[in-house]
C-alpha atoms as a PDB file:
ATOM      1  CA  MET A   1      89.907 101.141 115.087  1.00  0.00           C
ATOM      2  CA  SER A   2      88.655  98.165 113.179  1.00  0.00           C
ATOM      3  CA  THR A   3      88.683  98.889 109.483  1.00  0.00           C
ATOM      4  CA  GLY A   4      87.363  95.564 108.229  1.00  0.00           C
ATOM      5  CA  SER A   5      88.860  93.201 105.717  1.00  0.00           C
ATOM      6  CA  GLU A   6      90.816  95.878 103.844  1.00  0.00           C
ATOM      7  CA  THR A   7      93.436  96.084 106.569  1.00  0.00           C
ATOM      8  CA  THR A   8      93.463  92.537 107.822  1.00  0.00           C
ATOM      9  CA  ALA A   9      97.116  91.505 107.741  1.00  0.00           C
ATOM     10  CA  GLN A  10      98.000  88.303 105.923  1.00  0.00           C
ATOM     11  CA  ALA A  11     100.144  85.809 107.839  1.00  0.00           C
ATOM     12  CA  ARG A  12     102.594  85.769 104.917  1.00  0.00           C
ATOM     13  CA  PRO A  13     103.001  88.119 101.954  1.00  0.00           C
ATOM     14  CA  ARG A  14     101.382  86.659  98.842  1.00  0.00           C
ATOM     15  CA  VAL A  15     103.499  86.541  95.669  1.00  0.00           C
ATOM     16  CA  LEU A  16     101.924  85.705  92.307  1.00  0.00           C
ATOM     17  CA  VAL A  17     104.304  84.128  89.777  1.00  0.00           C
ATOM     18  CA  ILE A  18     103.166  84.413  86.149  1.00  0.00           C
ATOM     19  CA  ASP A  19     105.456  82.312  83.937  1.00  0.00           C
ATOM     20  CA  ASP A  20     104.784  79.684  81.267  1.00  0.00           C
ATOM     21  CA  SER A  21     107.595  77.437  82.528  1.00  0.00           C
ATOM     22  CA  PRO A  22     106.649  74.836  85.189  1.00  0.00           C
ATOM     23  CA  ASP A  23     110.356  74.507  86.010  1.00  0.00           C
ATOM     24  CA  VAL A  24     110.514  78.178  87.010  1.00  0.00           C
ATOM     25  CA  HIS A  25     107.564  77.725  89.375  1.00  0.00           C
ATOM     26  CA  ARG A  26     109.148  74.674  91.016  1.00  0.00           C
ATOM     27  CA  LEU A  27     112.497  76.409  91.326  1.00  0.00           C
ATOM     28  CA  LEU A  28     111.063  79.584  92.841  1.00  0.00           C
ATOM     29  CA  LYS A  29     108.976  77.670  95.385  1.00  0.00           C
ATOM     30  CA  ALA A  30     111.998  75.635  96.432  1.00  0.00           C
ATOM     31  CA  ARG A  31     114.497  78.489  96.619  1.00  0.00           C
ATOM     32  CA  LEU A  32     112.157  81.022  98.251  1.00  0.00           C
ATOM     33  CA  LYS A  33     110.875  78.594 100.874  1.00  0.00           C
ATOM     34  CA  GLN A  34     112.807  80.298 103.685  1.00  0.00           C
ATOM     35  CA  GLU A  35     111.311  83.708 102.872  1.00  0.00           C
ATOM     36  CA  GLU A  36     107.926  82.921 104.499  1.00  0.00           C
ATOM     37  CA  LEU A  37     106.053  83.792 101.326  1.00  0.00           C
ATOM     38  CA  GLU A  38     102.815  82.397  99.973  1.00  0.00           C
ATOM     39  CA  ILE A  39     103.604  81.557  96.339  1.00  0.00           C
ATOM     40  CA  VAL A  40     100.676  81.454  93.899  1.00  0.00           C
ATOM     41  CA  SER A  41     101.389  80.155  90.377  1.00  0.00           C
ATOM     42  CA  SER A  42      99.897  80.912  86.967  1.00  0.00           C
ATOM     43  CA  GLU A  43     101.329  79.561  83.721  1.00  0.00           C
ATOM     44  CA  SER A  44      99.798  82.051  81.279  1.00  0.00           C
ATOM     45  CA  GLY A  45      99.081  85.752  81.106  1.00  0.00           C
ATOM     46  CA  GLU A  46      95.330  85.191  80.952  1.00  0.00           C
ATOM     47  CA  SER A  47      95.205  82.911  84.005  1.00  0.00           C
ATOM     48  CA  GLY A  48      97.582  85.255  85.799  1.00  0.00           C
ATOM     49  CA  LEU A  49      95.183  88.184  85.456  1.00  0.00           C
ATOM     50  CA  GLU A  50      92.302  86.024  86.670  1.00  0.00           C
ATOM     51  CA  GLU A  51      94.344  84.910  89.678  1.00  0.00           C
ATOM     52  CA  LEU A  52      95.279  88.530  90.328  1.00  0.00           C
ATOM     53  CA  LYS A  53      91.591  89.416  90.748  1.00  0.00           C
ATOM     54  CA  LYS A  54      91.009  86.529  93.151  1.00  0.00           C
ATOM     55  CA  SER A  55      94.081  86.572  95.350  1.00  0.00           C
ATOM     56  CA  ARG A  56      95.119  90.262  95.305  1.00  0.00           C
ATOM     57  CA  PRO A  57      98.826  89.504  95.827  1.00  0.00           C
ATOM     58  CA  ASP A  58     101.345  91.793  97.465  1.00  0.00           C
ATOM     59  CA  LEU A  59     103.828  91.273  94.628  1.00  0.00           C
ATOM     60  CA  VAL A  60     103.870  89.873  91.080  1.00  0.00           C
ATOM     61  CA  LEU A  61     106.849  88.085  89.498  1.00  0.00           C
ATOM     62  CA  LEU A  62     106.228  88.277  85.765  1.00  0.00           C
ATOM     63  CA  ASP A  63     107.817  86.608  82.761  1.00  0.00           C
ATOM     64  CA  LEU A  64     107.758  88.607  79.518  1.00  0.00           C
ATOM     65  CA  ASP A  65     108.159  85.907  76.876  1.00  0.00           C
ATOM     66  CA  MET A  66     104.881  83.952  77.048  1.00  0.00           C
ATOM     67  CA  PRO A  67     102.600  82.682  74.253  1.00  0.00           C
ATOM     68  CA  THR A  68      99.173  84.196  73.466  1.00  0.00           C
ATOM     69  CA  MET A  69      99.428  87.023  75.995  1.00  0.00           C
ATOM     70  CA  ASP A  70     102.942  88.196  76.688  1.00  0.00           C
ATOM     71  CA  GLY A  71     104.244  89.874  79.816  1.00  0.00           C
ATOM     72  CA  PHE A  72     104.019  93.378  78.374  1.00  0.00           C
ATOM     73  CA  GLU A  73     100.271  92.946  77.865  1.00  0.00           C
ATOM     74  CA  VAL A  74      99.874  91.553  81.375  1.00  0.00           C
ATOM     75  CA  LEU A  75     101.877  94.421  82.863  1.00  0.00           C
ATOM     76  CA  ARG A  76      99.805  96.972  80.953  1.00  0.00           C
ATOM     77  CA  ALA A  77      96.579  95.359  82.188  1.00  0.00           C
ATOM     78  CA  ILE A  78      97.800  95.410  85.801  1.00  0.00           C
ATOM     79  CA  LYS A  79      98.801  99.063  85.663  1.00  0.00           C
ATOM     80  CA  ASP A  80      95.669 100.172  83.777  1.00  0.00           C
ATOM     81  CA  ASN A  81      93.407  98.773  86.494  1.00  0.00           C
ATOM     82  CA  ALA A  82      92.765 101.084  89.458  1.00  0.00           C
ATOM     83  CA  ASP A  83      92.393  98.072  91.765  1.00  0.00           C
ATOM     84  CA  THR A  84      95.812  96.591  90.910  1.00  0.00           C
ATOM     85  CA  VAL A  85      97.912  99.547  89.781  1.00  0.00           C
ATOM     86  CA  HIS A  86      99.702  99.769  93.145  1.00  0.00           C
ATOM     87  CA  ILE A  87     100.800  96.114  93.204  1.00  0.00           C
ATOM     88  CA  PRO A  88     104.563  96.052  92.493  1.00  0.00           C
ATOM     89  CA  VAL A  89     105.695  93.909  89.553  1.00  0.00           C
ATOM     90  CA  ILE A  90     109.183  92.449  89.244  1.00  0.00           C
ATOM     91  CA  VAL A  91     109.931  91.284  85.719  1.00  0.00           C
ATOM     92  CA  LEU A  92     111.880  88.014  85.493  1.00  0.00           C
ATOM     93  CA  SER A  93     112.907  87.706  81.868  1.00  0.00           C
ATOM     94  CA  GLY A  94     115.428  86.211  79.514  1.00  0.00           C
ATOM     95  CA  LEU A  95     115.052  89.318  77.343  1.00  0.00           C
ATOM     96  CA  ALA A  96     118.158  91.330  78.112  1.00  0.00           C
ATOM     97  CA  ASN A  97     118.131  94.131  75.536  1.00  0.00           C
ATOM     98  CA  ALA A  98     117.736  97.726  76.655  1.00  0.00           C
ATOM     99  CA  GLU A  99     114.534  98.293  74.657  1.00  0.00           C
ATOM    100  CA  ASP A 100     112.660  95.598  76.588  1.00  0.00           C
ATOM    101  CA  LYS A 101     113.865  96.966  79.916  1.00  0.00           C
ATOM    102  CA  VAL A 102     112.823 100.498  79.010  1.00  0.00           C
ATOM    103  CA  ALA A 103     109.404  99.296  77.803  1.00  0.00           C
ATOM    104  CA  ALA A 104     108.830  97.350  81.016  1.00  0.00           C
ATOM    105  CA  PHE A 105     109.743 100.301  83.244  1.00  0.00           C
ATOM    106  CA  ASP A 106     107.644 102.670  81.129  1.00  0.00           C
ATOM    107  CA  LEU A 107     104.656 100.357  81.673  1.00  0.00           C
ATOM    108  CA  GLY A 108     105.173 100.515  85.442  1.00  0.00           C
ATOM    109  CA  ALA A 109     107.466  97.618  86.391  1.00  0.00           C
ATOM    110  CA  HIS A 110     109.046  97.993  89.833  1.00  0.00           C
ATOM    111  CA  ASP A 111     112.182  96.017  88.959  1.00  0.00           C
ATOM    112  CA  TYR A 112     113.703  93.961  86.135  1.00  0.00           C
ATOM    113  CA  ILE A 113     115.828  90.847  86.688  1.00  0.00           C
ATOM    114  CA  ILE A 114     117.398  88.903  83.852  1.00  0.00           C
ATOM    115  CA  LYS A 115     117.243  85.093  83.761  1.00  0.00           C
ATOM    116  CA  PRO A 116     119.090  83.077  84.853  1.00  0.00           C
ATOM    117  CA  PHE A 117     118.979  85.074  88.083  1.00  0.00           C
ATOM    118  CA  GLU A 118     121.059  84.832  91.226  1.00  0.00           C
ATOM    119  CA  PHE A 119     118.738  83.864  94.081  1.00  0.00           C
ATOM    120  CA  THR A 120     120.407  85.946  96.781  1.00  0.00           C
ATOM    121  CA  GLU A 121     119.837  89.049  94.646  1.00  0.00           C
ATOM    122  CA  LEU A 122     116.258  87.985  93.882  1.00  0.00           C
ATOM    123  CA  ARG A 123     115.479  87.562  97.589  1.00  0.00           C
ATOM    124  CA  VAL A 124     116.818  91.028  98.403  1.00  0.00           C
ATOM    125  CA  ARG A 125     114.810  92.634  95.610  1.00  0.00           C
ATOM    126  CA  ILE A 126     111.633  90.813  96.631  1.00  0.00           C
ATOM    127  CA  ARG A 127     112.082  91.994 100.229  1.00  0.00           C
ATOM    128  CA  ALA A 128     112.623  95.579  99.054  1.00  0.00           C
ATOM    129  CA  ALA A 129     109.516  95.505  96.838  1.00  0.00           C
ATOM    130  CA  LEU A 130     107.345  94.050  99.609  1.00  0.00           C
ATOM    131  CA  ARG A 131     108.663  96.581 102.120  1.00  0.00           C
ATOM    132  CA  LEU A 132     107.859  99.473  99.774  1.00  0.00           C
ATOM    133  CA  ASN A 133     104.409  98.075  99.053  1.00  0.00           C
ATOM    134  CA  PHE A 134     103.680  97.786 102.780  1.00  0.00           C
ATOM    135  CA  LEU A 135     104.732 101.376 103.439  1.00  0.00           C
ATOM    136  CA  LEU A 136     102.695 102.715 100.521  1.00  0.00           C
ATOM    137  CA  ARG A 137      99.597 100.848 101.722  1.00  0.00           C
ATOM    138  CA  MET A 138     100.086 102.241 105.227  1.00  0.00           C
ATOM    139  CA  LEU A 139     100.373 105.783 103.862  1.00  0.00           C
ATOM    140  CA  SER A 140      97.313 105.278 101.674  1.00  0.00           C
ATOM    141  CA  GLN A 141      95.266 104.010 104.597  1.00  0.00           C
ATOM    142  CA  ARG A 142      96.333 106.843 106.872  1.00  0.00           C
ATOM    143  CA  ALA A 143      95.267 109.350 104.200  1.00  0.00           C
ATOM    144  CA  GLN A 144      91.758 107.882 104.377  1.00  0.00           C
ATOM    145  CA  ILE A 145      91.343 108.015 108.174  1.00  0.00           C
ATOM    146  CA  ASP A 146      89.844 110.915 110.080  1.00  0.00           C
ATOM    147  CA  GLY A 147      92.443 112.237 112.499  1.00  0.00           C
ATOM    148  CA  LEU A 148      90.040 113.100 115.329  1.00  0.00           C
ATOM    149  CA  THR A 149      87.764 110.051 115.481  1.00  0.00           C
ATOM    150  CA  GLY A 150      89.851 107.307 113.876  1.00  0.00           C
ATOM    151  CA  LEU A 151      86.984 106.445 111.522  1.00  0.00           C
ATOM    152  CA  TRP A 152      87.255 106.385 107.745  1.00  0.00           C
ATOM    153  CA  ASN A 153      87.033 109.902 106.289  1.00  0.00           C
ATOM    154  CA  ARG A 154      84.813 111.525 103.653  1.00  0.00           C
ATOM    155  CA  ALA A 155      87.106 110.633 100.748  1.00  0.00           C
ATOM    156  CA  TYR A 156      86.989 106.966 101.713  1.00  0.00           C
ATOM    157  CA  PHE A 157      83.208 107.080 102.087  1.00  0.00           C
ATOM    158  CA  ASP A 158      82.793 108.607  98.627  1.00  0.00           C
ATOM    159  CA  ARG A 159      84.695 105.695  97.108  1.00  0.00           C
ATOM    160  CA  ARG A 160      83.113 102.921  99.148  1.00  0.00           C
ATOM    161  CA  VAL A 161      79.528 104.054  98.673  1.00  0.00           C
ATOM    162  CA  GLN A 162      80.069 103.863  94.917  1.00  0.00           C
ATOM    163  CA  ASP A 163      81.462 100.342  95.315  1.00  0.00           C
ATOM    164  CA  GLU A 164      78.637  99.134  97.556  1.00  0.00           C
ATOM    165  CA  VAL A 165      75.843 100.540  95.376  1.00  0.00           C
ATOM    166  CA  SER A 166      77.447  98.949  92.314  1.00  0.00           C
ATOM    167  CA  ARG A 167      77.724  95.643  94.174  1.00  0.00           C
ATOM    168  CA  VAL A 168      74.050  95.465  95.124  1.00  0.00           C
ATOM    169  CA  GLN A 169      73.057  96.399  91.590  1.00  0.00           C
ATOM    170  CA  ARG A 170      75.107  93.491  90.246  1.00  0.00           C
ATOM    171  CA  HIS A 171      74.083  90.899  92.817  1.00  0.00           C
ATOM    172  CA  ASP A 172      70.616  92.113  93.871  1.00  0.00           C
ATOM    173  CA  GLY A 173      71.517  92.436  97.531  1.00  0.00           C
ATOM    174  CA  ALA A 174      70.307  94.555 100.429  1.00  0.00           C
ATOM    175  CA  LEU A 175      71.966  97.811 101.472  1.00  0.00           C
ATOM    176  CA  SER A 176      71.286 100.680 103.855  1.00  0.00           C
ATOM    177  CA  ILE A 177      73.072 103.981 104.424  1.00  0.00           C
ATOM    178  CA  ALA A 178      72.612 105.963 107.633  1.00  0.00           C
ATOM    179  CA  PHE A 179      73.579 109.579 108.345  1.00  0.00           C
ATOM    180  CA  PHE A 180      74.057 110.613 111.994  1.00  0.00           C
ATOM    181  CA  ASP A 181      74.110 114.205 113.170  1.00  0.00           C
ATOM    182  CA  ALA A 182      74.787 115.374 116.734  1.00  0.00           C
ATOM    183  CA  ASP A 183      71.868 117.525 117.867  1.00  0.00           C
ATOM    184  CA  HIS A 184      72.606 121.140 118.886  1.00  0.00           C
ATOM    185  CA  PHE A 185      76.327 120.427 118.632  1.00  0.00           C
ATOM    186  CA  LYS A 186      77.281 124.088 118.293  1.00  0.00           C
ATOM    187  CA  SER A 187      75.886 124.824 121.738  1.00  0.00           C
ATOM    188  CA  ILE A 188      78.222 122.191 123.247  1.00  0.00           C
ATOM    189  CA  ASN A 189      81.227 123.992 121.770  1.00  0.00           C
ATOM    190  CA  ASP A 190      79.881 127.384 122.810  1.00  0.00           C
ATOM    191  CA  THR A 191      78.973 126.348 126.372  1.00  0.00           C
ATOM    192  CA  PHE A 192      81.691 123.882 127.336  1.00  0.00           C
ATOM    193  CA  GLY A 193      84.482 124.657 124.893  1.00  0.00           C
ATOM    194  CA  HIS A 194      85.915 122.988 121.816  1.00  0.00           C
ATOM    195  CA  PRO A 195      87.774 120.256 123.764  1.00  0.00           C
ATOM    196  CA  ALA A 196      84.375 119.120 125.049  1.00  0.00           C
ATOM    197  CA  GLY A 197      83.035 119.179 121.509  1.00  0.00           C
ATOM    198  CA  ASP A 198      85.972 117.115 120.293  1.00  0.00           C
ATOM    199  CA  ALA A 199      85.379 114.614 123.097  1.00  0.00           C
ATOM    200  CA  VAL A 200      81.754 114.258 121.970  1.00  0.00           C
ATOM    201  CA  LEU A 201      82.806 113.615 118.366  1.00  0.00           C
ATOM    202  CA  GLN A 202      85.357 111.049 119.496  1.00  0.00           C
ATOM    203  CA  GLY A 203      82.784 109.381 121.735  1.00  0.00           C
ATOM    204  CA  LEU A 204      80.169 109.229 118.974  1.00  0.00           C
ATOM    205  CA  GLY A 205      82.734 107.695 116.632  1.00  0.00           C
ATOM    206  CA  GLN A 206      83.610 105.067 119.239  1.00  0.00           C
ATOM    207  CA  ILE A 207      79.955 104.172 119.833  1.00  0.00           C
ATOM    208  CA  ILE A 208      79.198 103.843 116.130  1.00  0.00           C
ATOM    209  CA  GLN A 209      82.293 101.727 115.576  1.00  0.00           C
ATOM    210  CA  ARG A 210      81.710  99.597 118.669  1.00  0.00           C
ATOM    211  CA  ASP A 211      78.069  98.852 117.951  1.00  0.00           C
ATOM    212  CA  SER A 212      78.339  98.222 114.220  1.00  0.00           C
ATOM    213  CA  ARG A 213      79.249  94.901 112.613  1.00  0.00           C
ATOM    214  CA  GLN A 214      82.680  94.227 111.172  1.00  0.00           C
ATOM    215  CA  SER A 215      81.226  94.379 107.660  1.00  0.00           C
ATOM    216  CA  ASP A 216      79.731  97.854 108.251  1.00  0.00           C
ATOM    217  CA  ILE A 217      81.703 100.896 107.115  1.00  0.00           C
ATOM    218  CA  ALA A 218      81.730 103.740 109.631  1.00  0.00           C
ATOM    219  CA  CYS A 219      82.939 107.157 108.457  1.00  0.00           C
ATOM    220  CA  ARG A 220      83.080 110.737 109.643  1.00  0.00           C
ATOM    221  CA  TYR A 221      81.320 112.665 106.922  1.00  0.00           C
ATOM    222  CA  GLY A 222      82.318 116.103 108.172  1.00  0.00           C
ATOM    223  CA  GLY A 223      81.783 118.365 111.193  1.00  0.00           C
ATOM    224  CA  GLU A 224      79.395 116.650 113.610  1.00  0.00           C
ATOM    225  CA  GLU A 225      78.023 114.336 110.920  1.00  0.00           C
ATOM    226  CA  PHE A 226      78.778 110.631 110.573  1.00  0.00           C
ATOM    227  CA  VAL A 227      77.702 108.024 108.055  1.00  0.00           C
ATOM    228  CA  LEU A 228      77.434 104.251 108.214  1.00  0.00           C
ATOM    229  CA  ILE A 229      77.249 101.968 105.178  1.00  0.00           C
ATOM    230  CA  MET A 230      75.484  98.721 106.095  1.00  0.00           C
ATOM    231  CA  PRO A 231      75.912  95.987 103.459  1.00  0.00           C
ATOM    232  CA  SER A 232      73.383  93.142 103.363  1.00  0.00           C
ATOM    233  CA  THR A 233      71.026  95.163 105.553  1.00  0.00           C
ATOM    234  CA  GLY A 234      67.487  96.138 104.573  1.00  0.00           C
ATOM    235  CA  PRO A 235      65.713  99.257 105.883  1.00  0.00           C
ATOM    236  CA  GLU A 236      63.838  97.473 108.690  1.00  0.00           C
ATOM    237  CA  ASP A 237      66.991  95.965 110.179  1.00  0.00           C
ATOM    238  CA  ALA A 238      68.812  99.263 109.703  1.00  0.00           C
ATOM    239  CA  LEU A 239      66.032 101.063 111.586  1.00  0.00           C
ATOM    240  CA  ALA A 240      66.250  98.630 114.503  1.00  0.00           C
ATOM    241  CA  PHE A 241      70.033  98.942 114.697  1.00  0.00           C
ATOM    242  CA  CYS A 242      70.083 102.729 114.391  1.00  0.00           C
ATOM    243  CA  ASP A 243      67.420 103.186 117.051  1.00  0.00           C
ATOM    244  CA  ARG A 244      69.447 101.044 119.485  1.00  0.00           C
ATOM    245  CA  LEU A 245      72.484 103.139 118.693  1.00  0.00           C
ATOM    246  CA  ARG A 246      70.478 106.335 119.207  1.00  0.00           C
ATOM    247  CA  GLN A 247      69.431 105.123 122.654  1.00  0.00           C
ATOM    248  CA  ASN A 248      73.013 104.152 123.522  1.00  0.00           C
ATOM    249  CA  VAL A 249      74.200 107.658 122.685  1.00  0.00           C
ATOM    250  CA  GLU A 250      71.445 109.257 124.754  1.00  0.00           C
ATOM    251  CA  ALA A 251      72.402 107.115 127.767  1.00  0.00           C
ATOM    252  CA  VAL A 252      76.041 108.279 127.844  1.00  0.00           C
ATOM    253  CA  VAL A 253      77.181 110.485 130.729  1.00  0.00           C
ATOM    254  CA  TRP A 254      79.866 112.804 129.374  1.00  0.00           C
ATOM    255  CA  PRO A 255      82.668 113.597 131.875  1.00  0.00           C
ATOM    256  CA  ARG A 256      83.073 117.227 130.781  1.00  0.00           C
ATOM    257  CA  HIS A 257      79.338 117.975 131.075  1.00  0.00           C
ATOM    258  CA  PRO A 258      77.551 115.193 132.992  1.00  0.00           C
ATOM    259  CA  GLU A 259      74.392 117.292 133.257  1.00  0.00           C
ATOM    260  CA  ARG A 260      74.162 117.758 129.485  1.00  0.00           C
ATOM    261  CA  LYS A 261      72.941 114.818 127.410  1.00  0.00           C
ATOM    262  CA  VAL A 262      73.955 114.384 123.783  1.00  0.00           C
ATOM    263  CA  THR A 263      71.490 113.027 121.259  1.00  0.00           C
ATOM    264  CA  VAL A 264      71.696 112.214 117.563  1.00  0.00           C
ATOM    265  CA  SER A 265      69.272 112.473 114.681  1.00  0.00           C
ATOM    266  CA  ILE A 266      69.552 109.693 112.109  1.00  0.00           C
ATOM    267  CA  GLY A 267      68.408 109.420 108.506  1.00  0.00           C
ATOM    268  CA  VAL A 268      68.424 106.056 106.754  1.00  0.00           C
ATOM    269  CA  ALA A 269      67.954 105.121 103.109  1.00  0.00           C
ATOM    270  CA  GLY A 270      67.788 101.410 102.376  1.00  0.00           C
ATOM    271  CA  ALA A 271      66.496  98.678 100.129  1.00  0.00           C
ATOM    272  CA  SER A 272      66.141  94.934 100.595  1.00  0.00           C
ATOM    273  CA  SER A 273      66.804  94.272  96.894  1.00  0.00           C
ATOM    274  CA  VAL A 274      68.196  96.080  93.888  1.00  0.00           C
ATOM    275  CA  VAL A 275      66.976  99.554  92.938  1.00  0.00           C
ATOM    276  CA  GLY A 276      68.123 101.449  89.875  1.00  0.00           C
ATOM    277  CA  LEU A 277      69.557 104.453  91.708  1.00  0.00           C
ATOM    278  CA  SER A 278      73.006 105.992  91.633  1.00  0.00           C
ATOM    279  CA  ALA A 279      75.188 106.276  94.715  1.00  0.00           C
ATOM    280  CA  ALA A 280      74.477 110.020  94.745  1.00  0.00           C
ATOM    281  CA  ALA A 281      70.731 109.279  94.875  1.00  0.00           C
ATOM    282  CA  TRP A 282      71.220 106.939  97.870  1.00  0.00           C
ATOM    283  CA  VAL A 283      73.189 109.624  99.693  1.00  0.00           C
ATOM    284  CA  GLU A 284      70.595 112.282  98.869  1.00  0.00           C
ATOM    285  CA  ALA A 285      67.757 110.066 100.130  1.00  0.00           C
ATOM    286  CA  ALA A 286      69.536 109.414 103.449  1.00  0.00           C
ATOM    287  CA  ASP A 287      70.356 113.114 103.736  1.00  0.00           C
ATOM    288  CA  LYS A 288      66.681 114.052 103.289  1.00  0.00           C
ATOM    289  CA  CYS A 289      65.699 111.567 105.979  1.00  0.00           C
ATOM    290  CA  LEU A 290      68.233 113.143 108.315  1.00  0.00           C
ATOM    291  CA  TYR A 291      66.818 116.576 107.590  1.00  0.00           C
ATOM    292  CA  THR A 292      63.325 115.291 108.375  1.00  0.00           C
ATOM    293  CA  ALA A 293      64.520 113.797 111.675  1.00  0.00           C
ATOM    294  CA  LYS A 294      66.029 117.125 112.721  1.00  0.00           C
ATOM    295  CA  LYS A 295      63.081 119.183 111.498  1.00  0.00           C
ATOM    296  CA  THR A 296      60.510 117.056 113.331  1.00  0.00           C
ATOM    297  CA  GLY A 297      62.018 117.043 116.795  1.00  0.00           C
ATOM    298  CA  ARG A 298      65.523 115.516 116.666  1.00  0.00           C
ATOM    299  CA  ASN A 299      66.725 112.471 118.630  1.00  0.00           C
ATOM    300  CA  LYS A 300      64.902 110.121 116.273  1.00  0.00           C
ATOM    301  CA  VAL A 301      65.427 107.853 113.257  1.00  0.00           C
ATOM    302  CA  VAL A 302      63.683 108.491 109.936  1.00  0.00           C
ATOM    303  CA  VAL A 303      63.878 105.794 107.263  1.00  0.00           C
ATOM    304  CA  SER A 304      63.219 105.757 103.534  1.00  0.00           C
ATOM    305  CA  ASP A 305      62.590 102.407 101.847  1.00  0.00           C
ATOM    306  CA  LEU A 306      63.893 102.990  98.336  1.00  0.00           C
ATOM    307  CA  ARG A 307      61.962 100.015  96.987  1.00  0.00           C
ATOM    308  CA  THR A 308      58.562 101.375  97.981  1.00  0.00           C
ATOM    309  CA  GLY A 309      59.338 105.004  97.262  1.00  0.00           C
ATOM    310  CA  GLU A 310      58.424 106.171 100.771  1.00  0.00           C
ATOM    311  CA  LYS A 311      60.653 109.226 101.042  1.00  0.00           C
ATOM    312  CA  PRO A 312      60.660 112.637 102.690  1.00  0.00           C
ATOM    313  CA  ALA A 313      58.985 115.367 100.673  1.00  0.00           C
ATOM    314  CA  ALA A 314      61.171 116.545  97.813  1.00  0.00           C
ATOM    315  CA  GLU A 315      60.521 120.233  98.514  1.00  0.00           C
ATOM    316  CA  GLN A 316      62.273 120.189 101.898  1.00  0.00           C
ATOM    317  CA  PRO A 317      65.386 122.408 102.050  1.00  0.00           C
ATOM    318  CA  PRO A 318      68.888 120.912 102.060  1.00  0.00           C
ATOM    319  CA  LEU A 319      70.488 119.617 105.253  1.00  0.00           C
ATOM    320  CA  ARG A 320      72.811 122.560 105.795  1.00  0.00           C
ATOM    321  CA  LYS A 321      69.780 124.769 106.533  1.00  0.00           C
ATOM    322  CA  ALA A 322      68.372 122.406 109.136  1.00  0.00           C
ATOM    323  CA  GLY A 323      70.644 123.462 111.950  1.00  0.00           C
END
């Protein structure tokens, strides 16, 4: 499964060094050269936090005794931010008293090394921190993947749709969200058995993933329902793409039931520029379009342009009653 930029492996682990001493930066780059690390340097707490946002390192080496913004403040900012809280921080400090160590660990430091440090020990601790970070990221990713289809799961969709709606509101971009539902799916399970139903779900997931762009976010929403987030895509382009996908699904010959076609109904909500709607409103609009597609014959795409207000009638019942 292709999961986009979030899981693209870096050639070398990226380590951000935040220390006000240029000598420390030169020394670390020279002595860690054999570790195949990408070293990024910041000489103040403020610039370190800015660099953190840009480079998203795998590890931070942090000095505590810095002017203006000390290491404790930087560490607190890292651990208070949901986007950076999981990045391990190794404190490199000349402050050796127990109170400073306790404070650093209480704030979320992964390790604490006192200057001047022994480089063999530092290398081992860096390797251990990077190894733990890699394993935690792998576990986190696996928890967000649907076990049957290999697509992102509902929990991941709920987070990403919030992110994407917020992004287009900030930058006035295009966005479309499409819900896919396998038509008469229950009858496939009832007639051919649940393994055949599972094969259909897996096949639909593969088609959606195969046909979508790398920037699109394909998820299994639940049951026989899938959802695709399409950044930088207005409703007209989303309609064209989804109709091609609908036709591709209809053309599949399924090995377990070659005589039985599978079709999908698709509901799309999109806008070519910013609209003042919450993520929940986007999802509801796409859901209503899906209901309309199923209610009016299935195997079709229904689109709502959120800029023009062309939407399905508000009095239609919720999706779960559509069948």
